[in-house]
Amino acid sequence: SSGINAEYGVVVNLQKCFSHIQLWMKSNYLKLNAGKTEVIILQNKWDPTPGPRDVLLQPDKAAVVPVSKAAVSPATSARNLGMWFDPALSMSDNVSNIVRACNIQLVDMWHIGNKLSKPLKIQLVHSLIHSRLDYGNALLHCASADDINRLQNIQINICY
């Protein structure tokens, strides 16, 4: 019974939060696209008490929060301004996406590399690879050493 009340309370609080966001956006002539809305619940990893995330992500049922005419389920990661955030804010999802995109760009450049001059190759590396590595790197202060090594390996691969 207390689990149902806790789940209900969390869903009601999220609905109120979405209502306030919708009102603010409407008053500023903006529109909330409920179909593209993502919810991620962040929780202090050092706090052992169950929080909203534990209530909403119970394995026996998937919680759904109604927003306008769409239903939004809590996500395991969410994108905001090109950065991927996970509930622990470890940034490992973001690093994985950066590494994947940079590797694709490096393979593409390798295929056409013999047709390009050296200054053009350098310009491509700066515009396609370094810009991805640099964007949002201030948020990587909490990234693990393994994730930092993965990003450094991209820089090493550029040299070859």
N, C-alpha and C. Protein backbone atom coordinates (compact mmCIF):
# COMPACT_ATOMS: atom_id res chain seq x y z
N SER A 1 0.82 -1.20 0.00
CA SER A 1 0.00 0.00 0.00
C SER A 1 0.86 1.26 0.00
N SER A 2 1.94 1.25 0.81
CA SER A 2 2.79 2.44 0.85
C SER A 2 3.54 2.60 -0.47
N GLY A 3 3.86 1.48 -1.16
CA GLY A 3 4.52 1.55 -2.46
C GLY A 3 3.61 2.21 -3.49
N ILE A 4 2.31 1.89 -3.44
CA ILE A 4 1.35 2.49 -4.38
C ILE A 4 1.22 3.98 -4.10
N ASN A 5 1.15 4.35 -2.81
CA ASN A 5 1.05 5.77 -2.46
C ASN A 5 2.31 6.53 -2.88
N ALA A 6 3.49 5.90 -2.70
CA ALA A 6 4.74 6.55 -3.10
C ALA A 6 4.77 6.75 -4.60
N GLU A 7 4.37 5.71 -5.35
CA GLU A 7 4.36 5.82 -6.81
C GLU A 7 3.38 6.89 -7.25
N TYR A 8 2.19 6.90 -6.65
CA TYR A 8 1.18 7.90 -7.00
C TYR A 8 1.70 9.31 -6.71
N GLY A 9 2.35 9.49 -5.55
CA GLY A 9 2.88 10.80 -5.19
C GLY A 9 3.95 11.28 -6.16
N VAL A 10 4.81 10.37 -6.60
CA VAL A 10 5.87 10.74 -7.54
C VAL A 10 5.25 11.13 -8.88
N VAL A 11 4.30 10.35 -9.35
CA VAL A 11 3.66 10.65 -10.64
C VAL A 11 2.92 11.98 -10.57
N VAL A 12 2.20 12.22 -9.47
CA VAL A 12 1.48 13.49 -9.32
C VAL A 12 2.46 14.67 -9.29
N ASN A 13 3.58 14.52 -8.59
CA ASN A 13 4.58 15.60 -8.55
C ASN A 13 5.16 15.86 -9.93
N LEU A 14 5.42 14.80 -10.70
CA LEU A 14 5.94 14.99 -12.05
C LEU A 14 4.91 15.66 -12.95
N GLN A 15 3.63 15.29 -12.79
CA GLN A 15 2.57 15.93 -13.57
C GLN A 15 2.49 17.42 -13.24
N LYS A 16 2.59 17.76 -11.96
CA LYS A 16 2.57 19.16 -11.56
C LYS A 16 3.75 19.91 -12.16
N CYS A 17 4.91 19.26 -12.14
CA CYS A 17 6.11 19.88 -12.70
C CYS A 17 5.92 20.14 -14.20
N PHE A 18 5.40 19.15 -14.93
CA PHE A 18 5.15 19.33 -16.36
C PHE A 18 4.11 20.43 -16.60
N SER A 19 3.10 20.51 -15.75
CA SER A 19 2.09 21.56 -15.89
C SER A 19 2.72 22.94 -15.73
N HIS A 20 3.59 23.09 -14.74
CA HIS A 20 4.27 24.38 -14.53
C HIS A 20 5.17 24.72 -15.72
N ILE A 21 5.86 23.72 -16.23
CA ILE A 21 6.73 23.95 -17.40
C ILE A 21 5.90 24.37 -18.60
N GLN A 22 4.77 23.68 -18.82
CA GLN A 22 3.89 24.03 -19.94
C GLN A 22 3.36 25.45 -19.80
N LEU A 23 2.95 25.84 -18.60
CA LEU A 23 2.44 27.19 -18.38
C LEU A 23 3.54 28.23 -18.63
N TRP A 24 4.74 27.96 -18.14
CA TRP A 24 5.84 28.90 -18.35
C TRP A 24 6.14 29.02 -19.84
N MET A 25 6.19 27.87 -20.53
CA MET A 25 6.50 27.90 -21.97
C MET A 25 5.40 28.64 -22.73
N LYS A 26 4.14 28.39 -22.37
CA LYS A 26 3.04 29.07 -23.05
C LYS A 26 3.09 30.58 -22.82
N SER A 27 3.44 30.98 -21.60
CA SER A 27 3.51 32.42 -21.31
C SER A 27 4.69 33.08 -22.03
N ASN A 28 5.66 32.29 -22.46
CA ASN A 28 6.80 32.81 -23.20
C ASN A 28 6.71 32.45 -24.68
N TYR A 29 5.51 32.13 -25.14
CA TYR A 29 5.22 31.84 -26.55
C TYR A 29 6.04 30.67 -27.09
N LEU A 30 6.22 29.65 -26.25
CA LEU A 30 6.92 28.43 -26.64
C LEU A 30 5.95 27.27 -26.55
N LYS A 31 6.30 26.18 -27.20
CA LYS A 31 5.42 25.01 -27.17
C LYS A 31 6.22 23.79 -26.73
N LEU A 32 5.67 23.05 -25.79
CA LEU A 32 6.28 21.81 -25.32
C LEU A 32 5.82 20.68 -26.22
N ASN A 33 6.76 20.04 -26.89
CA ASN A 33 6.44 18.91 -27.75
C ASN A 33 6.45 17.66 -26.88
N ALA A 34 5.27 17.23 -26.44
CA ALA A 34 5.16 16.10 -25.53
C ALA A 34 5.68 14.81 -26.15
N GLY A 35 5.60 14.69 -27.47
CA GLY A 35 6.10 13.48 -28.13
C GLY A 35 7.61 13.36 -28.08
N LYS A 36 8.31 14.47 -27.90
CA LYS A 36 9.77 14.45 -27.83
C LYS A 36 10.29 14.66 -26.41
N THR A 37 9.40 14.75 -25.45
CA THR A 37 9.79 15.02 -24.08
C THR A 37 10.36 13.76 -23.44
N GLU A 38 11.49 13.93 -22.76
CA GLU A 38 12.12 12.83 -22.05
C GLU A 38 12.20 13.19 -20.56
N VAL A 39 12.09 12.17 -19.74
CA VAL A 39 12.21 12.36 -18.30
C VAL A 39 13.35 11.49 -17.82
N ILE A 40 14.24 12.09 -17.08
CA ILE A 40 15.30 11.33 -16.43
C ILE A 40 15.31 11.76 -14.98
N ILE A 41 15.38 10.79 -14.11
CA ILE A 41 15.32 11.07 -12.68
C ILE A 41 16.71 10.86 -12.11
N LEU A 42 17.27 11.95 -11.60
CA LEU A 42 18.61 11.93 -11.02
C LEU A 42 18.49 11.71 -9.53
N GLN A 43 19.40 10.92 -9.02
CA GLN A 43 19.36 10.65 -7.59
C GLN A 43 20.78 10.62 -7.06
N ASN A 44 20.94 11.07 -5.84
CA ASN A 44 22.23 11.07 -5.18
C ASN A 44 22.70 9.63 -5.02
N LYS A 45 23.86 9.30 -5.61
CA LYS A 45 24.33 7.91 -5.56
C LYS A 45 24.83 7.53 -4.17
N TRP A 46 25.07 8.52 -3.29
CA TRP A 46 25.53 8.21 -1.94
C TRP A 46 24.37 8.10 -0.95
N ASP A 47 23.15 8.37 -1.40
CA ASP A 47 21.99 8.30 -0.53
C ASP A 47 21.31 6.95 -0.71
N PRO A 48 21.36 6.06 0.28
CA PRO A 48 20.79 4.71 0.11
C PRO A 48 19.27 4.64 0.21
N THR A 49 18.61 5.71 0.64
CA THR A 49 17.15 5.65 0.79
C THR A 49 16.49 5.62 -0.59
N PRO A 50 15.40 4.87 -0.71
CA PRO A 50 14.71 4.83 -2.01
C PRO A 50 14.16 6.20 -2.37
N GLY A 51 14.31 6.55 -3.61
CA GLY A 51 13.83 7.84 -4.09
C GLY A 51 12.84 7.66 -5.22
N PRO A 52 12.48 8.74 -5.90
CA PRO A 52 11.51 8.67 -6.99
C PRO A 52 11.94 7.72 -8.09
N ARG A 53 13.23 7.67 -8.36
CA ARG A 53 13.73 6.79 -9.42
C ARG A 53 13.43 5.33 -9.09
N ASP A 54 13.64 4.94 -7.84
CA ASP A 54 13.36 3.57 -7.43
C ASP A 54 11.87 3.25 -7.53
N VAL A 55 11.05 4.24 -7.22
CA VAL A 55 9.60 4.04 -7.28
C VAL A 55 9.14 3.88 -8.73
N LEU A 56 9.63 4.73 -9.61
CA LEU A 56 9.15 4.72 -10.99
C LEU A 56 9.75 3.60 -11.83
N LEU A 57 10.93 3.12 -11.48
CA LEU A 57 11.59 2.10 -12.30
C LEU A 57 11.55 0.74 -11.64
N GLN A 58 10.45 0.41 -11.00
CA GLN A 58 10.31 -0.91 -10.42
C GLN A 58 10.25 -1.95 -11.53
N PRO A 59 10.90 -3.11 -11.33
CA PRO A 59 10.97 -4.09 -12.42
C PRO A 59 9.63 -4.69 -12.80
N ASP A 60 8.66 -4.73 -11.89
CA ASP A 60 7.39 -5.38 -12.21
C ASP A 60 6.42 -4.50 -12.99
N LYS A 61 6.71 -3.22 -13.11
CA LYS A 61 5.81 -2.36 -13.87
C LYS A 61 6.57 -1.15 -14.38
N ALA A 62 6.15 -0.66 -15.52
CA ALA A 62 6.76 0.53 -16.10
C ALA A 62 5.87 1.72 -15.79
N ALA A 63 6.41 2.68 -15.10
CA ALA A 63 5.64 3.87 -14.76
C ALA A 63 5.55 4.78 -15.97
N VAL A 64 4.39 5.39 -16.12
CA VAL A 64 4.16 6.30 -17.23
C VAL A 64 3.57 7.58 -16.65
N VAL A 65 4.12 8.70 -17.07
CA VAL A 65 3.64 10.00 -16.61
C VAL A 65 2.93 10.66 -17.77
N PRO A 66 1.62 10.94 -17.63
CA PRO A 66 0.91 11.62 -18.72
C PRO A 66 1.34 13.08 -18.83
N VAL A 67 1.70 13.47 -20.05
CA VAL A 67 2.05 14.86 -20.35
C VAL A 67 1.24 15.26 -21.56
N SER A 68 0.36 16.24 -21.38
CA SER A 68 -0.57 16.65 -22.43
C SER A 68 -1.32 15.42 -22.91
N LYS A 69 -1.16 15.07 -24.19
CA LYS A 69 -1.85 13.90 -24.72
C LYS A 69 -0.92 12.73 -24.93
N ALA A 70 0.32 12.84 -24.48
CA ALA A 70 1.30 11.78 -24.64
C ALA A 70 1.68 11.23 -23.27
N ALA A 71 2.23 10.03 -23.26
CA ALA A 71 2.70 9.41 -22.03
C ALA A 71 4.22 9.35 -22.09
N VAL A 72 4.86 9.78 -21.02
CA VAL A 72 6.31 9.81 -20.97
C VAL A 72 6.79 8.83 -19.90
N SER A 73 7.65 7.92 -20.31
CA SER A 73 8.25 6.98 -19.36
C SER A 73 9.64 7.47 -19.00
N PRO A 74 10.07 7.23 -17.78
CA PRO A 74 11.44 7.64 -17.41
C PRO A 74 12.47 6.93 -18.29
N ALA A 75 13.45 7.66 -18.75
CA ALA A 75 14.47 7.11 -19.63
C ALA A 75 15.74 6.80 -18.83
N THR A 76 16.56 5.93 -19.39
CA THR A 76 17.84 5.61 -18.76
C THR A 76 18.89 6.67 -19.08
N SER A 77 18.68 7.41 -20.15
CA SER A 77 19.54 8.55 -20.47
C SER A 77 18.72 9.54 -21.28
N ALA A 78 19.11 10.81 -21.20
CA ALA A 78 18.37 11.85 -21.92
C ALA A 78 19.36 12.82 -22.54
N ARG A 79 18.98 13.38 -23.68
CA ARG A 79 19.84 14.30 -24.41
C ARG A 79 19.37 15.73 -24.19
N ASN A 80 20.32 16.60 -23.92
CA ASN A 80 20.03 18.02 -23.77
C ASN A 80 21.20 18.80 -24.34
N LEU A 81 20.92 19.63 -25.35
CA LEU A 81 21.92 20.44 -26.01
C LEU A 81 23.10 19.62 -26.52
N GLY A 82 22.80 18.44 -27.03
CA GLY A 82 23.83 17.59 -27.63
C GLY A 82 24.60 16.74 -26.65
N MET A 83 24.31 16.84 -25.38
CA MET A 83 25.00 16.05 -24.36
C MET A 83 24.04 15.00 -23.82
N TRP A 84 24.55 13.80 -23.57
CA TRP A 84 23.74 12.72 -23.04
C TRP A 84 23.99 12.59 -21.55
N PHE A 85 22.91 12.57 -20.77
CA PHE A 85 23.00 12.47 -19.32
C PHE A 85 22.38 11.16 -18.87
N ASP A 86 23.03 10.50 -17.91
CA ASP A 86 22.47 9.29 -17.31
C ASP A 86 22.13 9.61 -15.85
N PRO A 87 21.34 8.75 -15.19
CA PRO A 87 20.88 9.09 -13.83
C PRO A 87 22.00 9.34 -12.83
N ALA A 88 23.15 8.70 -13.00
CA ALA A 88 24.26 8.89 -12.06
C ALA A 88 25.15 10.06 -12.46
N LEU A 89 24.85 10.71 -13.59
CA LEU A 89 25.67 11.80 -14.14
C LEU A 89 27.13 11.38 -14.31
N SER A 90 27.34 10.13 -14.71
CA SER A 90 28.69 9.63 -14.94
C SER A 90 29.20 10.05 -16.31
N MET A 91 28.31 10.45 -17.20
CA MET A 91 28.62 10.90 -18.56
C MET A 91 29.16 9.78 -19.44
N SER A 92 29.03 8.53 -19.02
CA SER A 92 29.54 7.42 -19.84
C SER A 92 28.74 7.26 -21.13
N ASP A 93 27.43 7.53 -21.10
CA ASP A 93 26.64 7.48 -22.33
C ASP A 93 27.10 8.56 -23.31
N ASN A 94 27.40 9.74 -22.78
CA ASN A 94 27.88 10.83 -23.63
C ASN A 94 29.23 10.48 -24.25
N VAL A 95 30.13 9.92 -23.45
CA VAL A 95 31.45 9.53 -23.96
C VAL A 95 31.30 8.47 -25.04
N SER A 96 30.42 7.50 -24.82
CA SER A 96 30.20 6.45 -25.83
C SER A 96 29.71 7.04 -27.14
N ASN A 97 28.81 8.00 -27.07
CA ASN A 97 28.30 8.64 -28.29
C ASN A 97 29.38 9.46 -28.98
N ILE A 98 30.21 10.15 -28.21
CA ILE A 98 31.31 10.92 -28.81
C ILE A 98 32.29 9.99 -29.50
N VAL A 99 32.68 8.92 -28.81
CA VAL A 99 33.66 7.98 -29.37
C VAL A 99 33.11 7.34 -30.64
N ARG A 100 31.84 6.96 -30.62
CA ARG A 100 31.22 6.34 -31.80
C ARG A 100 31.22 7.31 -32.98
N ALA A 101 30.81 8.54 -32.74
CA ALA A 101 30.75 9.53 -33.82
C ALA A 101 32.14 9.86 -34.36
N CYS A 102 33.11 9.99 -33.48
CA CYS A 102 34.47 10.31 -33.92
C CYS A 102 35.06 9.15 -34.72
N ASN A 103 34.82 7.93 -34.29
CA ASN A 103 35.34 6.77 -35.03
C ASN A 103 34.73 6.69 -36.42
N ILE A 104 33.46 6.99 -36.54
CA ILE A 104 32.81 7.00 -37.86
C ILE A 104 33.46 8.06 -38.74
N GLN A 105 33.68 9.24 -38.18
CA GLN A 105 34.31 10.32 -38.95
C GLN A 105 35.74 9.95 -39.36
N LEU A 106 36.49 9.30 -38.46
CA LEU A 106 37.86 8.90 -38.78
C LEU A 106 37.89 7.86 -39.90
N VAL A 107 36.96 6.91 -39.86
CA VAL A 107 36.90 5.90 -40.92
C VAL A 107 36.55 6.56 -42.25
N ASP A 108 35.59 7.47 -42.23
CA ASP A 108 35.22 8.18 -43.46
C ASP A 108 36.40 8.98 -44.01
N MET A 109 37.14 9.65 -43.12
CA MET A 109 38.29 10.42 -43.58
C MET A 109 39.40 9.51 -44.10
N TRP A 110 39.55 8.34 -43.51
CA TRP A 110 40.56 7.39 -43.98
C TRP A 110 40.26 6.96 -45.42
N HIS A 111 38.96 6.78 -45.74
CA HIS A 111 38.58 6.35 -47.08
C HIS A 111 38.91 7.40 -48.14
N ILE A 112 38.80 8.68 -47.79
CA ILE A 112 39.05 9.73 -48.79
C ILE A 112 40.37 10.44 -48.57
N GLY A 113 41.15 10.02 -47.57
CA GLY A 113 42.37 10.71 -47.19
C GLY A 113 43.39 10.87 -48.28
N ASN A 114 43.53 9.85 -49.14
CA ASN A 114 44.55 9.94 -50.19
C ASN A 114 44.17 10.94 -51.28
N LYS A 115 42.97 11.41 -51.29
CA LYS A 115 42.52 12.38 -52.29
C LYS A 115 42.59 13.82 -51.78
N LEU A 116 43.00 13.99 -50.52
CA LEU A 116 43.00 15.32 -49.91
C LEU A 116 44.42 15.79 -49.62
N SER A 117 44.60 17.09 -49.64
CA SER A 117 45.90 17.66 -49.27
C SER A 117 46.04 17.64 -47.75
N LYS A 118 47.28 17.76 -47.27
CA LYS A 118 47.52 17.74 -45.83
C LYS A 118 46.81 18.88 -45.10
N PRO A 119 46.85 20.13 -45.62
CA PRO A 119 46.12 21.20 -44.92
C PRO A 119 44.61 20.94 -44.83
N LEU A 120 44.05 20.33 -45.86
CA LEU A 120 42.62 20.02 -45.84
C LEU A 120 42.32 18.92 -44.83
N LYS A 121 43.21 17.93 -44.74
CA LYS A 121 43.03 16.86 -43.73
C LYS A 121 43.06 17.45 -42.32
N ILE A 122 43.99 18.35 -42.09
CA ILE A 122 44.10 18.99 -40.77
C ILE A 122 42.84 19.79 -40.46
N GLN A 123 42.32 20.50 -41.45
CA GLN A 123 41.10 21.29 -41.26
C GLN A 123 39.92 20.37 -40.97
N LEU A 124 39.83 19.24 -41.66
CA LEU A 124 38.75 18.29 -41.40
C LEU A 124 38.84 17.71 -39.99
N VAL A 125 40.04 17.36 -39.57
CA VAL A 125 40.21 16.81 -38.21
C VAL A 125 39.78 17.83 -37.17
N HIS A 126 40.17 19.09 -37.37
CA HIS A 126 39.78 20.12 -36.40
C HIS A 126 38.27 20.34 -36.39
N SER A 127 37.68 20.39 -37.56
CA SER A 127 36.25 20.71 -37.61
C SER A 127 35.37 19.52 -37.24
N LEU A 128 35.78 18.30 -37.56
CA LEU A 128 34.92 17.14 -37.31
C LEU A 128 35.23 16.40 -36.02
N ILE A 129 36.49 16.32 -35.65
CA ILE A 129 36.88 15.51 -34.48
C ILE A 129 37.10 16.38 -33.25
N HIS A 130 38.00 17.33 -33.36
CA HIS A 130 38.31 18.16 -32.18
C HIS A 130 37.10 18.93 -31.68
N SER A 131 36.24 19.37 -32.59
CA SER A 131 35.05 20.10 -32.14
C SER A 131 34.14 19.19 -31.31
N ARG A 132 34.03 17.92 -31.70
CA ARG A 132 33.22 16.97 -30.91
C ARG A 132 33.86 16.69 -29.56
N LEU A 133 35.17 16.55 -29.55
CA LEU A 133 35.86 16.28 -28.29
C LEU A 133 35.80 17.47 -27.34
N ASP A 134 35.84 18.68 -27.89
CA ASP A 134 35.86 19.87 -27.06
C ASP A 134 34.49 20.28 -26.54
N TYR A 135 33.44 19.98 -27.31
CA TYR A 135 32.11 20.46 -26.94
C TYR A 135 31.66 19.82 -25.62
N GLY A 136 31.38 20.63 -24.66
CA GLY A 136 30.84 20.16 -23.39
C GLY A 136 31.83 19.42 -22.51
N ASN A 137 33.13 19.57 -22.77
CA ASN A 137 34.09 18.79 -21.98
C ASN A 137 34.17 19.25 -20.53
N ALA A 138 33.63 20.41 -20.21
CA ALA A 138 33.60 20.85 -18.81
C ALA A 138 32.68 19.95 -17.98
N LEU A 139 31.74 19.27 -18.65
CA LEU A 139 30.85 18.36 -17.93
C LEU A 139 31.49 17.01 -17.66
N LEU A 140 32.68 16.79 -18.18
CA LEU A 140 33.33 15.50 -18.02
C LEU A 140 34.21 15.42 -16.77
N HIS A 141 34.10 16.39 -15.89
CA HIS A 141 34.92 16.37 -14.67
C HIS A 141 34.60 15.17 -13.79
N CYS A 142 33.41 14.60 -13.92
CA CYS A 142 33.04 13.44 -13.11
C CYS A 142 33.17 12.14 -13.88
N ALA A 143 33.72 12.19 -15.08
CA ALA A 143 33.87 10.98 -15.90
C ALA A 143 34.96 10.08 -15.30
N SER A 144 34.81 8.79 -15.53
CA SER A 144 35.78 7.83 -15.01
C SER A 144 37.08 7.90 -15.81
N ALA A 145 38.12 7.34 -15.25
CA ALA A 145 39.42 7.31 -15.94
C ALA A 145 39.31 6.50 -17.24
N ASP A 146 38.50 5.45 -17.24
CA ASP A 146 38.31 4.65 -18.46
C ASP A 146 37.68 5.49 -19.57
N ASP A 147 36.70 6.29 -19.22
CA ASP A 147 36.06 7.14 -20.23
C ASP A 147 37.02 8.20 -20.76
N ILE A 148 37.82 8.77 -19.89
CA ILE A 148 38.81 9.76 -20.32
C ILE A 148 39.82 9.10 -21.26
N ASN A 149 40.23 7.88 -20.93
CA ASN A 149 41.16 7.14 -21.80
C ASN A 149 40.55 6.88 -23.17
N ARG A 150 39.26 6.58 -23.21
CA ARG A 150 38.59 6.35 -24.50
C ARG A 150 38.63 7.61 -25.36
N LEU A 151 38.45 8.77 -24.73
CA LEU A 151 38.51 10.03 -25.47
C LEU A 151 39.94 10.34 -25.92
N GLN A 152 40.91 10.03 -25.07
CA GLN A 152 42.30 10.26 -25.43
C GLN A 152 42.73 9.33 -26.58
N ASN A 153 42.17 8.13 -26.62
CA ASN A 153 42.49 7.21 -27.71
C ASN A 153 42.04 7.77 -29.05
N ILE A 154 40.96 8.53 -29.06
CA ILE A 154 40.53 9.17 -30.31
C ILE A 154 41.62 10.14 -30.77
N GLN A 155 42.16 10.92 -29.86
CA GLN A 155 43.23 11.86 -30.22
C GLN A 155 44.46 11.12 -30.72
N ILE A 156 44.76 9.99 -30.11
CA ILE A 156 45.91 9.20 -30.56
C ILE A 156 45.64 8.64 -31.96
N ASN A 157 44.42 8.18 -32.20
CA ASN A 157 44.07 7.61 -33.51
C ASN A 157 44.13 8.65 -34.63
N ILE A 158 43.97 9.91 -34.29
CA ILE A 158 44.05 10.97 -35.29
C ILE A 158 45.44 11.02 -35.91
N CYS A 159 46.44 10.71 -35.11
CA CYS A 159 47.82 10.79 -35.57
C CYS A 159 48.15 9.73 -36.62
N TYR A 160 47.38 8.68 -36.69
CA TYR A 160 47.71 7.58 -37.63
C TYR A 160 46.98 7.67 -38.90
